[in-house]
């Protein structure tokens, strides 16, 4: 997406920290971005949503993948070059 990022992730340790992950991600990506394009695109804060047990992770993932389609950027989410690794698209084959 040209103006925001969706990430679906799961901590792999009991002490996994979303704020630490976001800070680290923003720091590393901002450094790389600065090398090629100037000021990084990140705002100071972020919006998060913790999935509840009754929420279907496949439906949430599908919502994320369909976001560029809803925005009119592409006709099929499989066409979007920034949707993550190709094997992740197999969830919806």
PDB file of N, CA and C in Angstrom:
ATOM      1  N   UNK A   1       0.846  -1.171   0.000  1.00  0.00           N
ATOM      2  CA  UNK A   1       0.000   0.000   0.000  1.00  0.00           C
ATOM      3  C   UNK A   1       0.896   1.239   0.000  1.00  0.00           C
ATOM      4  N   UNK A   2       0.512   2.234  -0.726  1.00  0.00           N
ATOM      5  CA  UNK A   2       1.374   3.406  -0.800  1.00  0.00           C
ATOM      6  C   UNK A   2       1.383   4.261   0.468  1.00  0.00           C
ATOM      7  N   UNK A   3       0.369   4.120   1.326  1.00  0.00           N
ATOM      8  CA  UNK A   3       0.311   5.007   2.485  1.00  0.00           C
ATOM      9  C   UNK A   3       0.239   4.303   3.827  1.00  0.00           C
ATOM     10  N   UNK A   4       0.280   2.977   3.842  1.00  0.00           N
ATOM     11  CA  UNK A   4       0.306   2.262   5.119  1.00  0.00           C
ATOM     12  C   UNK A   4       0.740   0.817   4.919  1.00  0.00           C
ATOM     13  N   UNK A   5       0.918   0.142   6.020  1.00  0.00           N
ATOM     14  CA  UNK A   5       1.439  -1.221   6.017  1.00  0.00           C
ATOM     15  C   UNK A   5       0.595  -2.076   6.942  1.00  0.00           C
ATOM     16  N   UNK A   6       0.242  -3.266   6.480  1.00  0.00           N
ATOM     17  CA  UNK A   6      -0.422  -4.252   7.336  1.00  0.00           C
ATOM     18  C   UNK A   6       0.569  -5.378   7.593  1.00  0.00           C
ATOM     19  N   UNK A   7       0.642  -5.811   8.836  1.00  0.00           N
ATOM     20  CA  UNK A   7       1.515  -6.921   9.201  1.00  0.00           C
ATOM     21  C   UNK A   7       0.732  -7.844  10.109  1.00  0.00           C
ATOM     22  N   UNK A   8       0.752  -9.115   9.779  1.00  0.00           N
ATOM     23  CA  UNK A   8       0.126 -10.130  10.628  1.00  0.00           C
ATOM     24  C   UNK A   8       1.259 -10.971  11.182  1.00  0.00           C
ATOM     25  N   UNK A   9       1.438 -10.918  12.488  1.00  0.00           N
ATOM     26  CA  UNK A   9       2.561 -11.659  13.061  1.00  0.00           C
ATOM     27  C   UNK A   9       2.186 -12.291  14.382  1.00  0.00           C
ATOM     28  N   UNK A  10       3.020 -13.235  14.753  1.00  0.00           N
ATOM     29  CA  UNK A  10       2.829 -13.963  16.011  1.00  0.00           C
ATOM     30  C   UNK A  10       4.174 -14.048  16.703  1.00  0.00           C
ATOM     31  N   UNK A  11       4.208 -13.714  17.979  1.00  0.00           N
ATOM     32  CA  UNK A  11       5.440 -13.821  18.751  1.00  0.00           C
ATOM     33  C   UNK A  11       5.855 -15.279  18.876  1.00  0.00           C
ATOM     34  N   UNK A  12       7.151 -15.513  18.845  1.00  0.00           N
ATOM     35  CA  UNK A  12       7.638 -16.886  18.930  1.00  0.00           C
ATOM     36  C   UNK A  12       8.202 -17.241  20.306  1.00  0.00           C
ATOM     37  N   UNK A  13       8.102 -16.292  21.243  1.00  0.00           N
ATOM     38  CA  UNK A  13       8.578 -16.533  22.602  1.00  0.00           C
ATOM     39  C   UNK A  13       7.574 -15.944  23.582  1.00  0.00           C
ATOM     40  N   UNK A  14       7.499 -16.466  24.790  1.00  0.00           N
ATOM     41  CA  UNK A  14       6.548 -15.931  25.768  1.00  0.00           C
ATOM     42  C   UNK A  14       6.756 -14.448  26.069  1.00  0.00           C
ATOM     43  N   UNK A  15       7.990 -13.969  25.948  1.00  0.00           N
ATOM     44  CA  UNK A  15       8.266 -12.566  26.253  1.00  0.00           C
ATOM     45  C   UNK A  15       8.320 -11.700  24.992  1.00  0.00           C
ATOM     46  N   UNK A  16       7.753 -12.172  23.889  1.00  0.00           N
ATOM     47  CA  UNK A  16       7.739 -11.383  22.655  1.00  0.00           C
ATOM     48  C   UNK A  16       7.026 -10.058  22.906  1.00  0.00           C
ATOM     49  N   UNK A  17       7.558  -8.994  22.330  1.00  0.00           N
ATOM     50  CA  UNK A  17       7.046  -7.654  22.592  1.00  0.00           C
ATOM     51  C   UNK A  17       6.707  -6.955  21.276  1.00  0.00           C
ATOM     52  N   UNK A  18       5.439  -6.611  21.092  1.00  0.00           N
ATOM     53  CA  UNK A  18       5.048  -5.877  19.894  1.00  0.00           C
ATOM     54  C   UNK A  18       5.721  -4.508  19.832  1.00  0.00           C
ATOM     55  N   UNK A  19       5.734  -3.727  20.907  1.00  0.00           N
ATOM     56  CA  UNK A  19       6.426  -2.425  20.826  1.00  0.00           C
ATOM     57  C   UNK A  19       7.899  -2.564  20.444  1.00  0.00           C
ATOM     58  N   UNK A  20       8.571  -3.589  20.974  1.00  0.00           N
ATOM     59  CA  UNK A  20       9.979  -3.807  20.605  1.00  0.00           C
ATOM     60  C   UNK A  20      10.103  -4.166  19.135  1.00  0.00           C
ATOM     61  N   UNK A  21       9.216  -5.025  18.655  1.00  0.00           N
ATOM     62  CA  UNK A  21       9.244  -5.409  17.239  1.00  0.00           C
ATOM     63  C   UNK A  21       9.040  -4.190  16.341  1.00  0.00           C
ATOM     64  N   UNK A  22       8.013  -3.392  16.648  1.00  0.00           N
ATOM     65  CA  UNK A  22       7.704  -2.219  15.821  1.00  0.00           C
ATOM     66  C   UNK A  22       8.870  -1.239  15.836  1.00  0.00           C
ATOM     67  N   UNK A  23       9.425  -0.975  17.002  1.00  0.00           N
ATOM     68  CA  UNK A  23      10.555  -0.050  17.106  1.00  0.00           C
ATOM     69  C   UNK A  23      11.738  -0.546  16.265  1.00  0.00           C
ATOM     70  N   UNK A  24      12.050  -1.828  16.387  1.00  0.00           N
ATOM     71  CA  UNK A  24      13.163  -2.407  15.648  1.00  0.00           C
ATOM     72  C   UNK A  24      12.894  -2.378  14.137  1.00  0.00           C
ATOM     73  N   UNK A  25      11.680  -2.742  13.747  1.00  0.00           N
ATOM     74  CA  UNK A  25      11.323  -2.734  12.328  1.00  0.00           C
ATOM     75  C   UNK A  25      11.427  -1.324  11.740  1.00  0.00           C
ATOM     76  N   UNK A  26      10.855  -0.357  12.439  1.00  0.00           N
ATOM     77  CA  UNK A  26      10.889   1.019  11.949  1.00  0.00           C
ATOM     78  C   UNK A  26      12.326   1.544  11.867  1.00  0.00           C
ATOM     79  N   UNK A  27      13.124   1.223  12.862  1.00  0.00           N
ATOM     80  CA  UNK A  27      14.501   1.693  12.882  1.00  0.00           C
ATOM     81  C   UNK A  27      15.291   1.113  11.708  1.00  0.00           C
ATOM     82  N   UNK A  28      15.193  -0.184  11.522  1.00  0.00           N
ATOM     83  CA  UNK A  28      15.957  -0.827  10.439  1.00  0.00           C
ATOM     84  C   UNK A  28      15.462  -0.421   9.057  1.00  0.00           C
ATOM     85  N   UNK A  29      14.160  -0.381   8.887  1.00  0.00           N
ATOM     86  CA  UNK A  29      13.624  -0.026   7.573  1.00  0.00           C
ATOM     87  C   UNK A  29      13.854   1.459   7.275  1.00  0.00           C
ATOM     88  N   UNK A  30      13.783   2.313   8.280  1.00  0.00           N
ATOM     89  CA  UNK A  30      14.049   3.738   8.071  1.00  0.00           C
ATOM     90  C   UNK A  30      15.492   3.948   7.636  1.00  0.00           C
ATOM     91  N   UNK A  31      16.409   3.215   8.248  1.00  0.00           N
ATOM     92  CA  UNK A  31      17.815   3.321   7.854  1.00  0.00           C
ATOM     93  C   UNK A  31      17.978   2.925   6.386  1.00  0.00           C
ATOM     94  N   UNK A  32      17.406   1.805   5.994  1.00  0.00           N
ATOM     95  CA  UNK A  32      17.506   1.353   4.604  1.00  0.00           C
ATOM     96  C   UNK A  32      16.824   2.332   3.657  1.00  0.00           C
ATOM     97  N   UNK A  33      15.675   2.848   4.064  1.00  0.00           N
ATOM     98  CA  UNK A  33      14.934   3.796   3.231  1.00  0.00           C
ATOM     99  C   UNK A  33      15.745   5.070   3.009  1.00  0.00           C
ATOM    100  N   UNK A  34      16.369   5.553   4.077  1.00  0.00           N
ATOM    101  CA  UNK A  34      17.173   6.776   3.986  1.00  0.00           C
ATOM    102  C   UNK A  34      18.315   6.636   2.992  1.00  0.00           C
ATOM    103  N   UNK A  35      18.864   5.441   2.883  1.00  0.00           N
ATOM    104  CA  UNK A  35      19.979   5.216   1.963  1.00  0.00           C
ATOM    105  C   UNK A  35      19.565   5.434   0.512  1.00  0.00           C
ATOM    106  N   UNK A  36      18.285   5.230   0.205  1.00  0.00           N
ATOM    107  CA  UNK A  36      17.815   5.287  -1.173  1.00  0.00           C
ATOM    108  C   UNK A  36      16.874   6.453  -1.476  1.00  0.00           C
ATOM    109  N   UNK A  37      16.139   6.924  -0.483  1.00  0.00           N
ATOM    110  CA  UNK A  37      15.067   7.860  -0.817  1.00  0.00           C
ATOM    111  C   UNK A  37      14.944   9.081   0.092  1.00  0.00           C
ATOM    112  N   UNK A  38      15.714   9.181   1.121  1.00  0.00           N
ATOM    113  CA  UNK A  38      15.574  10.340   2.003  1.00  0.00           C
ATOM    114  C   UNK A  38      14.860  10.007   3.291  1.00  0.00           C
ATOM    115  N   UNK A  39      14.035  10.923   3.753  1.00  0.00           N
ATOM    116  CA  UNK A  39      13.356  10.746   5.034  1.00  0.00           C
ATOM    117  C   UNK A  39      12.440   9.524   5.011  1.00  0.00           C
ATOM    118  N   UNK A  40      12.449   8.755   6.091  1.00  0.00           N
ATOM    119  CA  UNK A  40      11.591   7.554   6.161  1.00  0.00           C
ATOM    120  C   UNK A  40      10.117   7.923   6.240  1.00  0.00           C
ATOM    121  N   UNK A  41       9.261   7.011   5.845  1.00  0.00           N
ATOM    122  CA  UNK A  41       7.821   7.301   5.770  1.00  0.00           C
ATOM    123  C   UNK A  41       7.047   7.074   7.064  1.00  0.00           C
ATOM    124  N   UNK A  42       7.681   6.666   8.132  1.00  0.00           N
ATOM    125  CA  UNK A  42       6.943   6.229   9.319  1.00  0.00           C
ATOM    126  C   UNK A  42       6.452   7.381  10.165  1.00  0.00           C
ATOM    127  N   UNK A  43       5.236   7.231  10.668  1.00  0.00           N
ATOM    128  CA  UNK A  43       4.732   8.160  11.674  1.00  0.00           C
ATOM    129  C   UNK A  43       5.189   7.681  13.046  1.00  0.00           C
ATOM    130  N   UNK A  44       4.976   8.479  14.067  1.00  0.00           N
ATOM    131  CA  UNK A  44       5.469   8.136  15.405  1.00  0.00           C
ATOM    132  C   UNK A  44       4.777   6.911  16.008  1.00  0.00           C
ATOM    133  N   UNK A  45       3.495   6.791  15.840  1.00  0.00           N
ATOM    134  CA  UNK A  45       2.765   5.712  16.499  1.00  0.00           C
ATOM    135  C   UNK A  45       2.317   4.661  15.491  1.00  0.00           C
ATOM    136  N   UNK A  46       1.483   3.748  15.936  1.00  0.00           N
ATOM    137  CA  UNK A  46       0.930   2.720  15.076  1.00  0.00           C
ATOM    138  C   UNK A  46      -0.383   2.238  15.669  1.00  0.00           C
ATOM    139  N   UNK A  47      -1.158   1.566  14.860  1.00  0.00           N
ATOM    140  CA  UNK A  47      -2.415   0.985  15.322  1.00  0.00           C
ATOM    141  C   UNK A  47      -2.222  -0.519  15.361  1.00  0.00           C
ATOM    142  N   UNK A  48      -2.603  -1.138  16.458  1.00  0.00           N
ATOM    143  CA  UNK A  48      -2.497  -2.592  16.530  1.00  0.00           C
ATOM    144  C   UNK A  48      -3.847  -3.194  16.918  1.00  0.00           C
ATOM    145  N   UNK A  49      -4.004  -4.434  16.573  1.00  0.00           N
ATOM    146  CA  UNK A  49      -5.217  -5.180  16.907  1.00  0.00           C
ATOM    147  C   UNK A  49      -4.783  -6.594  17.282  1.00  0.00           C
ATOM    148  N   UNK A  50      -5.013  -6.970  18.514  1.00  0.00           N
ATOM    149  CA  UNK A  50      -4.685  -8.313  18.975  1.00  0.00           C
ATOM    150  C   UNK A  50      -5.860  -9.229  18.644  1.00  0.00           C
ATOM    151  N   UNK A  51      -5.567 -10.317  17.932  1.00  0.00           N
ATOM    152  CA  UNK A  51      -6.639 -11.242  17.555  1.00  0.00           C
ATOM    153  C   UNK A  51      -7.170 -11.970  18.776  1.00  0.00           C
ATOM    154  N   UNK A  52      -8.474 -12.104  18.799  1.00  0.00           N
ATOM    155  CA  UNK A  52      -9.127 -12.879  19.857  1.00  0.00           C
ATOM    156  C   UNK A  52      -9.280 -14.321  19.397  1.00  0.00           C
ATOM    157  N   UNK A  53      -9.518 -15.203  20.345  1.00  0.00           N
ATOM    158  CA  UNK A  53      -9.641 -16.628  20.009  1.00  0.00           C
ATOM    159  C   UNK A  53     -10.776 -16.899  19.027  1.00  0.00           C
ATOM    160  N   UNK A  54     -11.820 -16.065  19.052  1.00  0.00           N
ATOM    161  CA  UNK A  54     -12.967 -16.304  18.169  1.00  0.00           C
ATOM    162  C   UNK A  54     -12.759 -15.717  16.764  1.00  0.00           C
ATOM    163  N   UNK A  55     -11.658 -15.020  16.537  1.00  0.00           N
ATOM    164  CA  UNK A  55     -11.393 -14.450  15.216  1.00  0.00           C
ATOM    165  C   UNK A  55     -10.655 -15.470  14.348  1.00  0.00           C
ATOM    166  N   UNK A  56     -11.040 -15.518  13.093  1.00  0.00           N
ATOM    167  CA  UNK A  56     -10.461 -16.463  12.149  1.00  0.00           C
ATOM    168  C   UNK A  56      -9.228 -15.833  11.504  1.00  0.00           C
ATOM    169  N   UNK A  57      -8.072 -16.417  11.751  1.00  0.00           N
ATOM    170  CA  UNK A  57      -6.824 -15.843  11.248  1.00  0.00           C
ATOM    171  C   UNK A  57      -6.781 -15.823   9.722  1.00  0.00           C
ATOM    172  N   UNK A  58      -7.393 -16.822   9.069  1.00  0.00           N
ATOM    173  CA  UNK A  58      -7.424 -16.827   7.599  1.00  0.00           C
ATOM    174  C   UNK A  58      -8.266 -15.666   7.062  1.00  0.00           C
ATOM    175  N   UNK A  59      -9.356 -15.342   7.744  1.00  0.00           N
ATOM    176  CA  UNK A  59     -10.185 -14.209   7.319  1.00  0.00           C
ATOM    177  C   UNK A  59      -9.432 -12.890   7.499  1.00  0.00           C
ATOM    178  N   UNK A  60      -8.695 -12.767   8.584  1.00  0.00           N
ATOM    179  CA  UNK A  60      -7.904 -11.558   8.821  1.00  0.00           C
ATOM    180  C   UNK A  60      -6.815 -11.441   7.754  1.00  0.00           C
ATOM    181  N   UNK A  61      -6.143 -12.552   7.472  1.00  0.00           N
ATOM    182  CA  UNK A  61      -5.104 -12.536   6.435  1.00  0.00           C
ATOM    183  C   UNK A  61      -5.705 -12.175   5.078  1.00  0.00           C
ATOM    184  N   UNK A  62      -6.837 -12.731   4.760  1.00  0.00           N
ATOM    185  CA  UNK A  62      -7.499 -12.429   3.484  1.00  0.00           C
ATOM    186  C   UNK A  62      -7.849 -10.942   3.403  1.00  0.00           C
ATOM    187  N   UNK A  63      -8.338 -10.388   4.492  1.00  0.00           N
ATOM    188  CA  UNK A  63      -8.641  -8.952   4.537  1.00  0.00           C
ATOM    189  C   UNK A  63      -7.389  -8.139   4.210  1.00  0.00           C
ATOM    190  N   UNK A  64      -6.267  -8.520   4.801  1.00  0.00           N
ATOM    191  CA  UNK A  64      -5.010  -7.809   4.553  1.00  0.00           C
ATOM    192  C   UNK A  64      -4.597  -7.939   3.089  1.00  0.00           C
ATOM    193  N   UNK A  65      -4.639  -9.156   2.558  1.00  0.00           N
ATOM    194  CA  UNK A  65      -4.240  -9.372   1.161  1.00  0.00           C
ATOM    195  C   UNK A  65      -5.160  -8.643   0.189  1.00  0.00           C
ATOM    196  N   UNK A  66      -6.433  -8.514   0.524  1.00  0.00           N
ATOM    197  CA  UNK A  66      -7.399  -7.862  -0.372  1.00  0.00           C
ATOM    198  C   UNK A  66      -7.358  -6.335  -0.286  1.00  0.00           C
ATOM    199  N   UNK A  67      -6.613  -5.787   0.648  1.00  0.00           N
ATOM    200  CA  UNK A  67      -6.573  -4.343   0.830  1.00  0.00           C
ATOM    201  C   UNK A  67      -6.206  -3.584  -0.452  1.00  0.00           C
ATOM    202  N   UNK A  68      -5.180  -3.981  -1.210  1.00  0.00           N
ATOM    203  CA  UNK A  68      -4.869  -3.251  -2.451  1.00  0.00           C
ATOM    204  C   UNK A  68      -5.983  -3.360  -3.498  1.00  0.00           C
ATOM    205  N   UNK A  69      -6.755  -4.434  -3.446  1.00  0.00           N
ATOM    206  CA  UNK A  69      -7.891  -4.594  -4.370  1.00  0.00           C
ATOM    207  C   UNK A  69      -8.973  -3.586  -3.993  1.00  0.00           C
ATOM    208  N   UNK A  70      -9.298  -3.500  -2.703  1.00  0.00           N
ATOM    209  CA  UNK A  70     -10.303  -2.538  -2.236  1.00  0.00           C
ATOM    210  C   UNK A  70      -9.915  -1.102  -2.568  1.00  0.00           C
ATOM    211  N   UNK A  71      -8.612  -0.819  -2.556  1.00  0.00           N
ATOM    212  CA  UNK A  71      -8.125   0.525  -2.870  1.00  0.00           C
ATOM    213  C   UNK A  71      -8.063   0.782  -4.374  1.00  0.00           C
ATOM    214  N   UNK A  72      -8.354  -0.241  -5.184  1.00  0.00           N
ATOM    215  CA  UNK A  72      -8.355  -0.070  -6.629  1.00  0.00           C
ATOM    216  C   UNK A  72      -6.979  -0.082  -7.268  1.00  0.00           C
ATOM    217  N   UNK A  73      -5.969  -0.574  -6.548  1.00  0.00           N
ATOM    218  CA  UNK A  73      -4.616  -0.614  -7.094  1.00  0.00           C
ATOM    219  C   UNK A  73      -4.415  -1.784  -8.060  1.00  0.00           C
ATOM    220  N   UNK A  74      -5.132  -2.868  -7.821  1.00  0.00           N
ATOM    221  CA  UNK A  74      -5.009  -4.078  -8.632  1.00  0.00           C
ATOM    222  C   UNK A  74      -6.359  -4.771  -8.698  1.00  0.00           C
ATOM    223  N   UNK A  75      -6.486  -5.743  -9.605  1.00  0.00           N
ATOM    224  CA  UNK A  75      -7.733  -6.486  -9.728  1.00  0.00           C
ATOM    225  C   UNK A  75      -7.754  -7.747  -8.900  1.00  0.00           C
ATOM    226  N   UNK A  76      -6.584  -8.324  -8.655  1.00  0.00           N
ATOM    227  CA  UNK A  76      -6.475  -9.571  -7.895  1.00  0.00           C
ATOM    228  C   UNK A  76      -5.285  -9.431  -6.950  1.00  0.00           C
ATOM    229  N   UNK A  77      -5.462  -9.822  -5.702  1.00  0.00           N
ATOM    230  CA  UNK A  77      -4.403  -9.606  -4.715  1.00  0.00           C
ATOM    231  C   UNK A  77      -3.114 -10.320  -5.070  1.00  0.00           C
ATOM    232  N   UNK A  78      -3.185 -11.359  -5.878  1.00  0.00           N
ATOM    233  CA  UNK A  78      -1.973 -12.087  -6.283  1.00  0.00           C
ATOM    234  C   UNK A  78      -1.092 -11.256  -7.210  1.00  0.00           C
ATOM    235  N   UNK A  79      -1.632 -10.161  -7.746  1.00  0.00           N
ATOM    236  CA  UNK A  79      -0.875  -9.281  -8.635  1.00  0.00           C
ATOM    237  C   UNK A  79      -0.022  -8.267  -7.874  1.00  0.00           C
ATOM    238  N   UNK A  80      -0.306  -8.084  -6.599  1.00  0.00           N
ATOM    239  CA  UNK A  80       0.383  -7.047  -5.830  1.00  0.00           C
ATOM    240  C   UNK A  80       1.788  -7.515  -5.476  1.00  0.00           C
ATOM    241  N   UNK A  81       2.818  -6.773  -5.873  1.00  0.00           N
ATOM    242  CA  UNK A  81       4.190  -7.245  -5.672  1.00  0.00           C
ATOM    243  C   UNK A  81       4.692  -7.197  -4.232  1.00  0.00           C
ATOM    244  N   UNK A  82       3.939  -6.577  -3.324  1.00  0.00           N
ATOM    245  CA  UNK A  82       4.409  -6.418  -1.949  1.00  0.00           C
ATOM    246  C   UNK A  82       3.578  -7.212  -0.947  1.00  0.00           C
ATOM    247  N   UNK A  83       3.012  -8.323  -1.377  1.00  0.00           N
ATOM    248  CA  UNK A  83       2.131  -9.109  -0.515  1.00  0.00           C
ATOM    249  C   UNK A  83       2.860 -10.136   0.330  1.00  0.00           C
ATOM    250  N   UNK A  84       4.157 -10.110   0.333  1.00  0.00           N
ATOM    251  CA  UNK A  84       4.899 -11.076   1.121  1.00  0.00           C
ATOM    252  C   UNK A  84       5.381 -12.230   0.273  1.00  0.00           C
ATOM    253  N   UNK A  85       5.891 -13.242   0.920  1.00  0.00           N
ATOM    254  CA  UNK A  85       6.446 -14.371   0.170  1.00  0.00           C
ATOM    255  C   UNK A  85       5.362 -15.108  -0.614  1.00  0.00           C
ATOM    256  N   UNK A  86       5.695 -15.601  -1.810  1.00  0.00           N
ATOM    257  CA  UNK A  86       4.702 -16.283  -2.644  1.00  0.00           C
ATOM    258  C   UNK A  86       3.977 -17.424  -1.940  1.00  0.00           C
ATOM    259  N   UNK A  87       4.659 -18.135  -1.059  1.00  0.00           N
ATOM    260  CA  UNK A  87       4.011 -19.260  -0.379  1.00  0.00           C
ATOM    261  C   UNK A  87       2.860 -18.798   0.524  1.00  0.00           C
ATOM    262  N   UNK A  88       2.897 -17.544   0.963  1.00  0.00           N
ATOM    263  CA  UNK A  88       1.798 -17.042   1.789  1.00  0.00           C
ATOM    264  C   UNK A  88       0.510 -16.945   0.979  1.00  0.00           C
ATOM    265  N   UNK A  89       0.615 -16.758  -0.325  1.00  0.00           N
ATOM    266  CA  UNK A  89      -0.578 -16.679  -1.166  1.00  0.00           C
ATOM    267  C   UNK A  89      -1.247 -18.037  -1.331  1.00  0.00           C
ATOM    268  N   UNK A  90      -0.513 -19.106  -1.045  1.00  0.00           N
ATOM    269  CA  UNK A  90      -1.081 -20.452  -1.149  1.00  0.00           C
ATOM    270  C   UNK A  90      -2.191 -20.684  -0.136  1.00  0.00           C
ATOM    271  N   UNK A  91      -2.275 -19.856   0.875  1.00  0.00           N
ATOM    272  CA  UNK A  91      -3.347 -19.972   1.865  1.00  0.00           C
ATOM    273  C   UNK A  91      -4.713 -19.837   1.217  1.00  0.00           C
ATOM    274  N   UNK A  92      -4.755 -19.178   0.077  1.00  0.00           N
ATOM    275  CA  UNK A  92      -6.037 -18.861  -0.558  1.00  0.00           C
ATOM    276  C   UNK A  92      -6.199 -19.513  -1.914  1.00  0.00           C
ATOM    277  N   UNK A  93      -5.409 -20.539  -2.189  1.00  0.00           N
ATOM    278  CA  UNK A  93      -5.502 -21.238  -3.483  1.00  0.00           C
ATOM    279  C   UNK A  93      -6.713 -22.145  -3.517  1.00  0.00           C
TER     280      UNK A  93
END
